[in-house]
């Protein structure tokens, strides 16, 4: 089961960014509320076993602007590891499930 709240860190080209990721699943659909820098983004994705995939877009500061992305990851116990890819960048994402 991957449902839960995770403290996450992304090693982006703009430096390390931390936040919260809340995952909920319904069958093979996974919903994610990602909160970074006080802003929450709702993502829809798919789940297969412990593997998740999300797509979305984000607006980054000038000169980068709008970026579409795909986030693929795996939940192993309470640990989440993944990779986020945009047209120009690729960076690692990791997280730990918070105790309930």
PDB file of N, CA and C in Angstrom:
ATOM      1  N   UNK A   1       0.839  -1.185   0.000  1.00  0.00           N
ATOM      2  CA  UNK A   1       0.000   0.000   0.000  1.00  0.00           C
ATOM      3  C   UNK A   1       0.879   1.242   0.000  1.00  0.00           C
ATOM      4  N   UNK A   2       0.566   2.188  -0.878  1.00  0.00           N
ATOM      5  CA  UNK A   2       1.381   3.404  -0.972  1.00  0.00           C
ATOM      6  C   UNK A   2       0.684   4.617  -0.365  1.00  0.00           C
ATOM      7  N   UNK A   3      -0.599   4.486   0.005  1.00  0.00           N
ATOM      8  CA  UNK A   3      -1.332   5.628   0.552  1.00  0.00           C
ATOM      9  C   UNK A   3      -0.612   6.190   1.777  1.00  0.00           C
ATOM     10  N   UNK A   4      -0.558   7.508   1.869  1.00  0.00           N
ATOM     11  CA  UNK A   4       0.051   8.148   3.024  1.00  0.00           C
ATOM     12  C   UNK A   4       0.604   9.512   2.679  1.00  0.00           C
ATOM     13  N   UNK A   5       1.167  10.141   3.703  1.00  0.00           N
ATOM     14  CA  UNK A   5       1.797  11.454   3.566  1.00  0.00           C
ATOM     15  C   UNK A   5       3.301  11.275   3.655  1.00  0.00           C
ATOM     16  N   UNK A   6       4.014  11.804   2.679  1.00  0.00           N
ATOM     17  CA  UNK A   6       5.462  11.655   2.586  1.00  0.00           C
ATOM     18  C   UNK A   6       6.138  13.020   2.664  1.00  0.00           C
ATOM     19  N   UNK A   7       7.210  13.089   3.427  1.00  0.00           N
ATOM     20  CA  UNK A   7       8.098  14.242   3.386  1.00  0.00           C
ATOM     21  C   UNK A   7       9.033  13.977   2.221  1.00  0.00           C
ATOM     22  N   UNK A   8       9.062  14.893   1.238  1.00  0.00           N
ATOM     23  CA  UNK A   8       9.836  14.641   0.017  1.00  0.00           C
ATOM     24  C   UNK A   8      10.907  15.703  -0.195  1.00  0.00           C
ATOM     25  N   UNK A   9      11.916  15.312  -0.955  1.00  0.00           N
ATOM     26  CA  UNK A   9      12.981  16.229  -1.353  1.00  0.00           C
ATOM     27  C   UNK A   9      13.304  15.967  -2.818  1.00  0.00           C
ATOM     28  N   UNK A  10      13.360  17.043  -3.582  1.00  0.00           N
ATOM     29  CA  UNK A  10      13.726  16.958  -4.993  1.00  0.00           C
ATOM     30  C   UNK A  10      15.038  17.706  -5.185  1.00  0.00           C
ATOM     31  N   UNK A  11      15.978  17.070  -5.862  1.00  0.00           N
ATOM     32  CA  UNK A  11      17.273  17.686  -6.155  1.00  0.00           C
ATOM     33  C   UNK A  11      17.187  18.303  -7.537  1.00  0.00           C
ATOM     34  N   UNK A  12      16.574  19.494  -7.621  1.00  0.00           N
ATOM     35  CA  UNK A  12      16.282  20.143  -8.891  1.00  0.00           C
ATOM     36  C   UNK A  12      17.475  20.958  -9.390  1.00  0.00           C
ATOM     37  N   UNK A  13      17.423  21.398 -10.651  1.00  0.00           N
ATOM     38  CA  UNK A  13      18.473  22.279 -11.162  1.00  0.00           C
ATOM     39  C   UNK A  13      18.520  23.621 -10.413  1.00  0.00           C
ATOM     40  N   UNK A  14      17.438  23.955  -9.697  1.00  0.00           N
ATOM     41  CA  UNK A  14      17.394  25.191  -8.915  1.00  0.00           C
ATOM     42  C   UNK A  14      17.745  24.951  -7.453  1.00  0.00           C
ATOM     43  N   UNK A  15      18.313  23.779  -7.144  1.00  0.00           N
ATOM     44  CA  UNK A  15      18.683  23.430  -5.786  1.00  0.00           C
ATOM     45  C   UNK A  15      17.691  22.450  -5.183  1.00  0.00           C
ATOM     46  N   UNK A  16      17.963  22.048  -3.937  1.00  0.00           N
ATOM     47  CA  UNK A  16      17.082  21.113  -3.245  1.00  0.00           C
ATOM     48  C   UNK A  16      15.783  21.803  -2.861  1.00  0.00           C
ATOM     49  N   UNK A  17      14.676  21.130  -3.118  1.00  0.00           N
ATOM     50  CA  UNK A  17      13.351  21.631  -2.769  1.00  0.00           C
ATOM     51  C   UNK A  17      12.660  20.568  -1.930  1.00  0.00           C
ATOM     52  N   UNK A  18      12.134  20.954  -0.779  1.00  0.00           N
ATOM     53  CA  UNK A  18      11.432  20.028   0.093  1.00  0.00           C
ATOM     54  C   UNK A  18       9.951  20.313   0.102  1.00  0.00           C
ATOM     55  N   UNK A  19       9.170  19.307   0.487  1.00  0.00           N
ATOM     56  CA  UNK A  19       7.736  19.500   0.555  1.00  0.00           C
ATOM     57  C   UNK A  19       7.028  18.274   1.078  1.00  0.00           C
ATOM     58  N   UNK A  20       5.716  18.252   0.874  1.00  0.00           N
ATOM     59  CA  UNK A  20       4.866  17.131   1.276  1.00  0.00           C
ATOM     60  C   UNK A  20       4.158  16.564   0.069  1.00  0.00           C
ATOM     61  N   UNK A  21       4.013  15.253   0.060  1.00  0.00           N
ATOM     62  CA  UNK A  21       3.302  14.549  -0.991  1.00  0.00           C
ATOM     63  C   UNK A  21       2.291  13.633  -0.316  1.00  0.00           C
ATOM     64  N   UNK A  22       1.005  13.842  -0.608  1.00  0.00           N
ATOM     65  CA  UNK A  22      -0.051  12.995  -0.057  1.00  0.00           C
ATOM     66  C   UNK A  22      -0.576  12.114  -1.181  1.00  0.00           C
ATOM     67  N   UNK A  23      -0.406  10.794  -1.024  1.00  0.00           N
ATOM     68  CA  UNK A  23      -0.827   9.838  -2.037  1.00  0.00           C
ATOM     69  C   UNK A  23      -2.074   9.087  -1.573  1.00  0.00           C
ATOM     70  N   UNK A  24      -3.057   8.976  -2.455  1.00  0.00           N
ATOM     71  CA  UNK A  24      -4.242   8.149  -2.222  1.00  0.00           C
ATOM     72  C   UNK A  24      -4.516   7.371  -3.496  1.00  0.00           C
ATOM     73  N   UNK A  25      -4.943   6.128  -3.336  1.00  0.00           N
ATOM     74  CA  UNK A  25      -5.175   5.277  -4.496  1.00  0.00           C
ATOM     75  C   UNK A  25      -6.622   4.803  -4.554  1.00  0.00           C
ATOM     76  N   UNK A  26      -7.078   4.611  -5.769  1.00  0.00           N
ATOM     77  CA  UNK A  26      -8.383   4.022  -6.067  1.00  0.00           C
ATOM     78  C   UNK A  26      -8.173   3.079  -7.238  1.00  0.00           C
ATOM     79  N   UNK A  27      -8.058   1.785  -6.960  1.00  0.00           N
ATOM     80  CA  UNK A  27      -7.765   0.833  -8.031  1.00  0.00           C
ATOM     81  C   UNK A  27      -6.398   1.104  -8.610  1.00  0.00           C
ATOM     82  N   UNK A  28      -6.327   1.319  -9.933  1.00  0.00           N
ATOM     83  CA  UNK A  28      -5.034   1.602 -10.569  1.00  0.00           C
ATOM     84  C   UNK A  28      -4.807   3.092 -10.807  1.00  0.00           C
ATOM     85  N   UNK A  29      -5.638   3.934 -10.166  1.00  0.00           N
ATOM     86  CA  UNK A  29      -5.481   5.387 -10.259  1.00  0.00           C
ATOM     87  C   UNK A  29      -4.893   5.890  -8.942  1.00  0.00           C
ATOM     88  N   UNK A  30      -3.919   6.791  -9.052  1.00  0.00           N
ATOM     89  CA  UNK A  30      -3.287   7.373  -7.876  1.00  0.00           C
ATOM     90  C   UNK A  30      -3.446   8.888  -7.925  1.00  0.00           C
ATOM     91  N   UNK A  31      -3.901   9.455  -6.823  1.00  0.00           N
ATOM     92  CA  UNK A  31      -4.031  10.905  -6.687  1.00  0.00           C
ATOM     93  C   UNK A  31      -2.896  11.391  -5.801  1.00  0.00           C
ATOM     94  N   UNK A  32      -2.343  12.543  -6.134  1.00  0.00           N
ATOM     95  CA  UNK A  32      -1.262  13.111  -5.339  1.00  0.00           C
ATOM     96  C   UNK A  32      -1.499  14.593  -5.142  1.00  0.00           C
ATOM     97  N   UNK A  33      -1.377  15.038  -3.907  1.00  0.00           N
ATOM     98  CA  UNK A  33      -1.362  16.460  -3.598  1.00  0.00           C
ATOM     99  C   UNK A  33       0.062  16.790  -3.196  1.00  0.00           C
ATOM    100  N   UNK A  34       0.745  17.565  -4.038  1.00  0.00           N
ATOM    101  CA  UNK A  34       2.142  17.924  -3.820  1.00  0.00           C
ATOM    102  C   UNK A  34       2.210  19.366  -3.366  1.00  0.00           C
ATOM    103  N   UNK A  35       2.774  19.582  -2.161  1.00  0.00           N
ATOM    104  CA  UNK A  35       2.908  20.932  -1.615  1.00  0.00           C
ATOM    105  C   UNK A  35       4.383  21.269  -1.490  1.00  0.00           C
ATOM    106  N   UNK A  36       4.795  22.307  -2.226  1.00  0.00           N
ATOM    107  CA  UNK A  36       6.170  22.809  -2.183  1.00  0.00           C
ATOM    108  C   UNK A  36       6.092  24.328  -2.158  1.00  0.00           C
ATOM    109  N   UNK A  37       6.864  24.939  -1.264  1.00  0.00           N
ATOM    110  CA  UNK A  37       6.924  26.403  -1.139  1.00  0.00           C
ATOM    111  C   UNK A  37       5.535  27.004  -0.929  1.00  0.00           C
ATOM    112  N   UNK A  38       4.706  26.323  -0.140  1.00  0.00           N
ATOM    113  CA  UNK A  38       3.393  26.857   0.192  1.00  0.00           C
ATOM    114  C   UNK A  38       2.340  26.716  -0.902  1.00  0.00           C
ATOM    115  N   UNK A  39       2.679  26.097  -2.017  1.00  0.00           N
ATOM    116  CA  UNK A  39       1.730  25.918  -3.114  1.00  0.00           C
ATOM    117  C   UNK A  39       1.444  24.433  -3.288  1.00  0.00           C
ATOM    118  N   UNK A  40       0.143  24.103  -3.439  1.00  0.00           N
ATOM    119  CA  UNK A  40      -0.262  22.710  -3.606  1.00  0.00           C
ATOM    120  C   UNK A  40      -0.725  22.472  -5.034  1.00  0.00           C
ATOM    121  N   UNK A  41      -0.257  21.387  -5.602  1.00  0.00           N
ATOM    122  CA  UNK A  41      -0.606  20.988  -6.964  1.00  0.00           C
ATOM    123  C   UNK A  41      -1.242  19.610  -6.890  1.00  0.00           C
ATOM    124  N   UNK A  42      -2.407  19.445  -7.530  1.00  0.00           N
ATOM    125  CA  UNK A  42      -3.101  18.149  -7.579  1.00  0.00           C
ATOM    126  C   UNK A  42      -2.662  17.418  -8.835  1.00  0.00           C
ATOM    127  N   UNK A  43      -2.180  16.187  -8.664  1.00  0.00           N
ATOM    128  CA  UNK A  43      -1.713  15.370  -9.775  1.00  0.00           C
ATOM    129  C   UNK A  43      -2.528  14.086  -9.843  1.00  0.00           C
ATOM    130  N   UNK A  44      -2.769  13.615 -11.040  1.00  0.00           N
ATOM    131  CA  UNK A  44      -3.429  12.333 -11.265  1.00  0.00           C
ATOM    132  C   UNK A  44      -2.423  11.420 -11.943  1.00  0.00           C
ATOM    133  N   UNK A  45      -2.404  10.176 -11.528  1.00  0.00           N
ATOM    134  CA  UNK A  45      -1.459   9.247 -12.125  1.00  0.00           C
ATOM    135  C   UNK A  45      -1.968   7.831 -12.088  1.00  0.00           C
ATOM    136  N   UNK A  46      -1.052   6.915 -12.355  1.00  0.00           N
ATOM    137  CA  UNK A  46      -1.392   5.499 -12.354  1.00  0.00           C
ATOM    138  C   UNK A  46      -0.492   4.766 -11.376  1.00  0.00           C
ATOM    139  N   UNK A  47      -0.972   3.612 -10.946  1.00  0.00           N
ATOM    140  CA  UNK A  47      -0.212   2.772 -10.027  1.00  0.00           C
ATOM    141  C   UNK A  47      -0.198   1.348 -10.578  1.00  0.00           C
ATOM    142  N   UNK A  48       0.935   0.695 -10.429  1.00  0.00           N
ATOM    143  CA  UNK A  48       1.069  -0.708 -10.786  1.00  0.00           C
ATOM    144  C   UNK A  48       1.931  -1.346  -9.702  1.00  0.00           C
ATOM    145  N   UNK A  49       1.289  -2.064  -8.788  1.00  0.00           N
ATOM    146  CA  UNK A  49       2.022  -2.615  -7.644  1.00  0.00           C
ATOM    147  C   UNK A  49       2.499  -1.481  -6.762  1.00  0.00           C
ATOM    148  N   UNK A  50       3.807  -1.343  -6.626  1.00  0.00           N
ATOM    149  CA  UNK A  50       4.390  -0.257  -5.825  1.00  0.00           C
ATOM    150  C   UNK A  50       4.951   0.864  -6.692  1.00  0.00           C
ATOM    151  N   UNK A  51       4.716   0.799  -8.011  1.00  0.00           N
ATOM    152  CA  UNK A  51       5.222   1.803  -8.950  1.00  0.00           C
ATOM    153  C   UNK A  51       4.135   2.825  -9.269  1.00  0.00           C
ATOM    154  N   UNK A  52       4.515   4.104  -9.259  1.00  0.00           N
ATOM    155  CA  UNK A  52       3.580   5.186  -9.573  1.00  0.00           C
ATOM    156  C   UNK A  52       4.149   6.038 -10.702  1.00  0.00           C
ATOM    157  N   UNK A  53       3.247   6.622 -11.494  1.00  0.00           N
ATOM    158  CA  UNK A  53       3.632   7.536 -12.567  1.00  0.00           C
ATOM    159  C   UNK A  53       2.649   8.695 -12.575  1.00  0.00           C
ATOM    160  N   UNK A  54       3.179   9.919 -12.585  1.00  0.00           N
ATOM    161  CA  UNK A  54       2.372  11.129 -12.648  1.00  0.00           C
ATOM    162  C   UNK A  54       2.873  12.013 -13.775  1.00  0.00           C
ATOM    163  N   UNK A  55       1.971  12.747 -14.381  1.00  0.00           N
ATOM    164  CA  UNK A  55       2.357  13.784 -15.336  1.00  0.00           C
ATOM    165  C   UNK A  55       1.685  15.076 -14.916  1.00  0.00           C
ATOM    166  N   UNK A  56       2.284  16.179 -15.278  1.00  0.00           N
ATOM    167  CA  UNK A  56       1.721  17.477 -14.939  1.00  0.00           C
ATOM    168  C   UNK A  56       2.567  18.587 -15.522  1.00  0.00           C
ATOM    169  N   UNK A  57       2.325  19.797 -15.045  1.00  0.00           N
ATOM    170  CA  UNK A  57       3.124  20.945 -15.471  1.00  0.00           C
ATOM    171  C   UNK A  57       3.348  21.845 -14.267  1.00  0.00           C
ATOM    172  N   UNK A  58       4.414  22.611 -14.350  1.00  0.00           N
ATOM    173  CA  UNK A  58       4.778  23.523 -13.271  1.00  0.00           C
ATOM    174  C   UNK A  58       5.350  24.791 -13.893  1.00  0.00           C
ATOM    175  N   UNK A  59       5.117  25.914 -13.244  1.00  0.00           N
ATOM    176  CA  UNK A  59       5.694  27.177 -13.702  1.00  0.00           C
ATOM    177  C   UNK A  59       6.901  27.496 -12.827  1.00  0.00           C
ATOM    178  N   UNK A  60       8.066  27.603 -13.459  1.00  0.00           N
ATOM    179  CA  UNK A  60       9.308  27.909 -12.764  1.00  0.00           C
ATOM    180  C   UNK A  60       9.743  29.332 -13.088  1.00  0.00           C
ATOM    181  N   UNK A  61      10.590  29.912 -12.232  1.00  0.00           N
ATOM    182  CA  UNK A  61      11.030  31.288 -12.456  1.00  0.00           C
ATOM    183  C   UNK A  61      11.716  31.479 -13.808  1.00  0.00           C
ATOM    184  N   UNK A  62      11.693  32.717 -14.296  1.00  0.00           N
ATOM    185  CA  UNK A  62      12.378  33.110 -15.519  1.00  0.00           C
ATOM    186  C   UNK A  62      13.842  32.717 -15.394  1.00  0.00           C
ATOM    187  N   UNK A  63      14.481  32.189 -16.342  1.00  0.00           N
ATOM    188  CA  UNK A  63      14.106  32.081 -17.737  1.00  0.00           C
ATOM    189  C   UNK A  63      13.475  30.728 -18.097  1.00  0.00           C
ATOM    190  N   UNK A  64      13.184  29.880 -17.109  1.00  0.00           N
ATOM    191  CA  UNK A  64      12.699  28.536 -17.416  1.00  0.00           C
ATOM    192  C   UNK A  64      11.243  28.542 -17.856  1.00  0.00           C
ATOM    193  N   UNK A  65      10.344  29.145 -17.071  1.00  0.00           N
ATOM    194  CA  UNK A  65       8.931  29.217 -17.451  1.00  0.00           C
ATOM    195  C   UNK A  65       8.182  27.913 -17.224  1.00  0.00           C
ATOM    196  N   UNK A  66       7.144  27.670 -18.015  1.00  0.00           N
ATOM    197  CA  UNK A  66       6.316  26.468 -17.871  1.00  0.00           C
ATOM    198  C   UNK A  66       7.077  25.223 -18.311  1.00  0.00           C
ATOM    199  N   UNK A  67       6.954  24.169 -17.512  1.00  0.00           N
ATOM    200  CA  UNK A  67       7.596  22.898 -17.820  1.00  0.00           C
ATOM    201  C   UNK A  67       6.607  21.763 -17.598  1.00  0.00           C
ATOM    202  N   UNK A  68       6.405  20.934 -18.619  1.00  0.00           N
ATOM    203  CA  UNK A  68       5.664  19.688 -18.441  1.00  0.00           C
ATOM    204  C   UNK A  68       6.631  18.679 -17.834  1.00  0.00           C
ATOM    205  N   UNK A  69       6.098  17.778 -17.011  1.00  0.00           N
ATOM    206  CA  UNK A  69       6.974  16.799 -16.386  1.00  0.00           C
ATOM    207  C   UNK A  69       6.299  15.445 -16.273  1.00  0.00           C
ATOM    208  N   UNK A  70       7.126  14.428 -16.088  1.00  0.00           N
ATOM    209  CA  UNK A  70       6.673  13.086 -15.753  1.00  0.00           C
ATOM    210  C   UNK A  70       7.482  12.636 -14.539  1.00  0.00           C
ATOM    211  N   UNK A  71       6.782  12.198 -13.509  1.00  0.00           N
ATOM    212  CA  UNK A  71       7.412  11.703 -12.297  1.00  0.00           C
ATOM    213  C   UNK A  71       7.120  10.214 -12.192  1.00  0.00           C
ATOM    214  N   UNK A  72       8.163   9.404 -12.163  1.00  0.00           N
ATOM    215  CA  UNK A  72       8.003   7.968 -11.970  1.00  0.00           C
ATOM    216  C   UNK A  72       8.697   7.594 -10.676  1.00  0.00           C
ATOM    217  N   UNK A  73       8.070   6.722  -9.905  1.00  0.00           N
ATOM    218  CA  UNK A  73       8.658   6.365  -8.629  1.00  0.00           C
ATOM    219  C   UNK A  73       8.195   5.011  -8.130  1.00  0.00           C
ATOM    220  N   UNK A  74       8.833   4.578  -7.062  1.00  0.00           N
ATOM    221  CA  UNK A  74       8.525   3.313  -6.416  1.00  0.00           C
ATOM    222  C   UNK A  74       8.459   3.533  -4.915  1.00  0.00           C
ATOM    223  N   UNK A  75       7.454   2.915  -4.294  1.00  0.00           N
ATOM    224  CA  UNK A  75       7.340   2.940  -2.845  1.00  0.00           C
ATOM    225  C   UNK A  75       7.770   1.574  -2.331  1.00  0.00           C
ATOM    226  N   UNK A  76       8.754   1.573  -1.448  1.00  0.00           N
ATOM    227  CA  UNK A  76       9.255   0.349  -0.842  1.00  0.00           C
ATOM    228  C   UNK A  76       9.164   0.535   0.667  1.00  0.00           C
ATOM    229  N   UNK A  77       8.137  -0.064   1.283  1.00  0.00           N
ATOM    230  CA  UNK A  77       7.907   0.155   2.716  1.00  0.00           C
ATOM    231  C   UNK A  77       7.476   1.598   2.925  1.00  0.00           C
ATOM    232  N   UNK A  78       8.260   2.348   3.701  1.00  0.00           N
ATOM    233  CA  UNK A  78       7.959   3.752   3.964  1.00  0.00           C
ATOM    234  C   UNK A  78       8.821   4.702   3.144  1.00  0.00           C
ATOM    235  N   UNK A  79       9.578   4.163   2.191  1.00  0.00           N
ATOM    236  CA  UNK A  79      10.487   4.979   1.387  1.00  0.00           C
ATOM    237  C   UNK A  79       9.980   5.123  -0.046  1.00  0.00           C
ATOM    238  N   UNK A  80      10.063   6.331  -0.563  1.00  0.00           N
ATOM    239  CA  UNK A  80       9.690   6.632  -1.946  1.00  0.00           C
ATOM    240  C   UNK A  80      10.940   7.105  -2.669  1.00  0.00           C
ATOM    241  N   UNK A  81      11.217   6.530  -3.826  1.00  0.00           N
ATOM    242  CA  UNK A  81      12.318   6.994  -4.669  1.00  0.00           C
ATOM    243  C   UNK A  81      11.778   7.166  -6.077  1.00  0.00           C
ATOM    244  N   UNK A  82      12.284   8.167  -6.764  1.00  0.00           N
ATOM    245  CA  UNK A  82      11.798   8.396  -8.114  1.00  0.00           C
ATOM    246  C   UNK A  82      12.671   9.344  -8.896  1.00  0.00           C
ATOM    247  N   UNK A  83      12.227   9.562 -10.126  1.00  0.00           N
ATOM    248  CA  UNK A  83      12.912  10.467 -11.042  1.00  0.00           C
ATOM    249  C   UNK A  83      11.860  11.345 -11.698  1.00  0.00           C
ATOM    250  N   UNK A  84      12.148  12.630 -11.777  1.00  0.00           N
ATOM    251  CA  UNK A  84      11.285  13.580 -12.471  1.00  0.00           C
ATOM    252  C   UNK A  84      11.998  14.015 -13.743  1.00  0.00           C
ATOM    253  N   UNK A  85      11.254  13.961 -14.857  1.00  0.00           N
ATOM    254  CA  UNK A  85      11.838  14.327 -16.150  1.00  0.00           C
ATOM    255  C   UNK A  85      11.017  15.440 -16.788  1.00  0.00           C
ATOM    256  N   UNK A  86      11.721  16.432 -17.303  1.00  0.00           N
ATOM    257  CA  UNK A  86      11.115  17.459 -18.141  1.00  0.00           C
ATOM    258  C   UNK A  86      11.815  17.375 -19.489  1.00  0.00           C
ATOM    259  N   UNK A  87      11.429  18.252 -20.386  1.00  0.00           N
ATOM    260  CA  UNK A  87      12.081  18.261 -21.702  1.00  0.00           C
ATOM    261  C   UNK A  87      13.574  18.579 -21.572  1.00  0.00           C
ATOM    262  N   UNK A  88      13.927  19.423 -20.574  1.00  0.00           N
ATOM    263  CA  UNK A  88      15.309  19.869 -20.433  1.00  0.00           C
ATOM    264  C   UNK A  88      16.059  19.262 -19.252  1.00  0.00           C
ATOM    265  N   UNK A  89      15.325  18.784 -18.239  1.00  0.00           N
ATOM    266  CA  UNK A  89      15.972  18.374 -16.994  1.00  0.00           C
ATOM    267  C   UNK A  89      15.542  16.981 -16.565  1.00  0.00           C
ATOM    268  N   UNK A  90      16.386  16.380 -15.718  1.00  0.00           N
ATOM    269  CA  UNK A  90      16.083  15.117 -15.062  1.00  0.00           C
ATOM    270  C   UNK A  90      16.676  15.221 -13.665  1.00  0.00           C
ATOM    271  N   UNK A  91      15.858  14.907 -12.624  1.00  0.00           N
ATOM    272  CA  UNK A  91      16.391  14.980 -11.275  1.00  0.00           C
ATOM    273  C   UNK A  91      15.725  13.954 -10.368  1.00  0.00           C
ATOM    274  N   UNK A  92      16.448  13.614  -9.291  1.00  0.00           N
ATOM    275  CA  UNK A  92      15.995  12.603  -8.344  1.00  0.00           C
ATOM    276  C   UNK A  92      15.017  13.197  -7.334  1.00  0.00           C
ATOM    277  N   UNK A  93      14.081  12.339  -6.915  1.00  0.00           N
ATOM    278  CA  UNK A  93      13.111  12.681  -5.872  1.00  0.00           C
ATOM    279  C   UNK A  93      13.134  11.544  -4.857  1.00  0.00           C
ATOM    280  N   UNK A  94      13.105  11.899  -3.565  1.00  0.00           N
ATOM    281  CA  UNK A  94      13.046  10.874  -2.533  1.00  0.00           C
ATOM    282  C   UNK A  94      12.103  11.340  -1.429  1.00  0.00           C
ATOM    283  N   UNK A  95      11.582  10.383  -0.679  1.00  0.00           N
ATOM    284  CA  UNK A  95      10.665  10.735   0.386  1.00  0.00           C
ATOM    285  C   UNK A  95      10.521   9.638   1.417  1.00  0.00           C
ATOM    286  N   UNK A  96      10.008  10.024   2.583  1.00  0.00           N
ATOM    287  CA  UNK A  96       9.761   9.097   3.678  1.00  0.00           C
ATOM    288  C   UNK A  96       8.339   9.311   4.175  1.00  0.00           C
ATOM    289  N   UNK A  97       7.591   8.193   4.328  1.00  0.00           N
ATOM    290  CA  UNK A  97       6.222   8.273   4.818  1.00  0.00           C
ATOM    291  C   UNK A  97       6.253   8.726   6.277  1.00  0.00           C
ATOM    292  N   UNK A  98       5.364   9.679   6.585  1.00  0.00           N
ATOM    293  CA  UNK A  98       5.232  10.147   7.960  1.00  0.00           C
ATOM    294  C   UNK A  98       4.412   9.141   8.752  1.00  0.00           C
ATOM    295  N   UNK A  99       4.715   9.025  10.045  1.00  0.00           N
ATOM    296  CA  UNK A  99       3.943   8.145  10.910  1.00  0.00           C
ATOM    297  C   UNK A  99       2.523   8.609  11.037  1.00  0.00           C
ATOM    298  N   UNK A 100       1.600   7.674  11.055  1.00  0.00           N
ATOM    299  CA  UNK A 100       0.168   8.026  11.140  1.00  0.00           C
ATOM    300  C   UNK A 100      -0.261   8.096  12.576  1.00  0.00           C
TER     301      UNK A 100
END
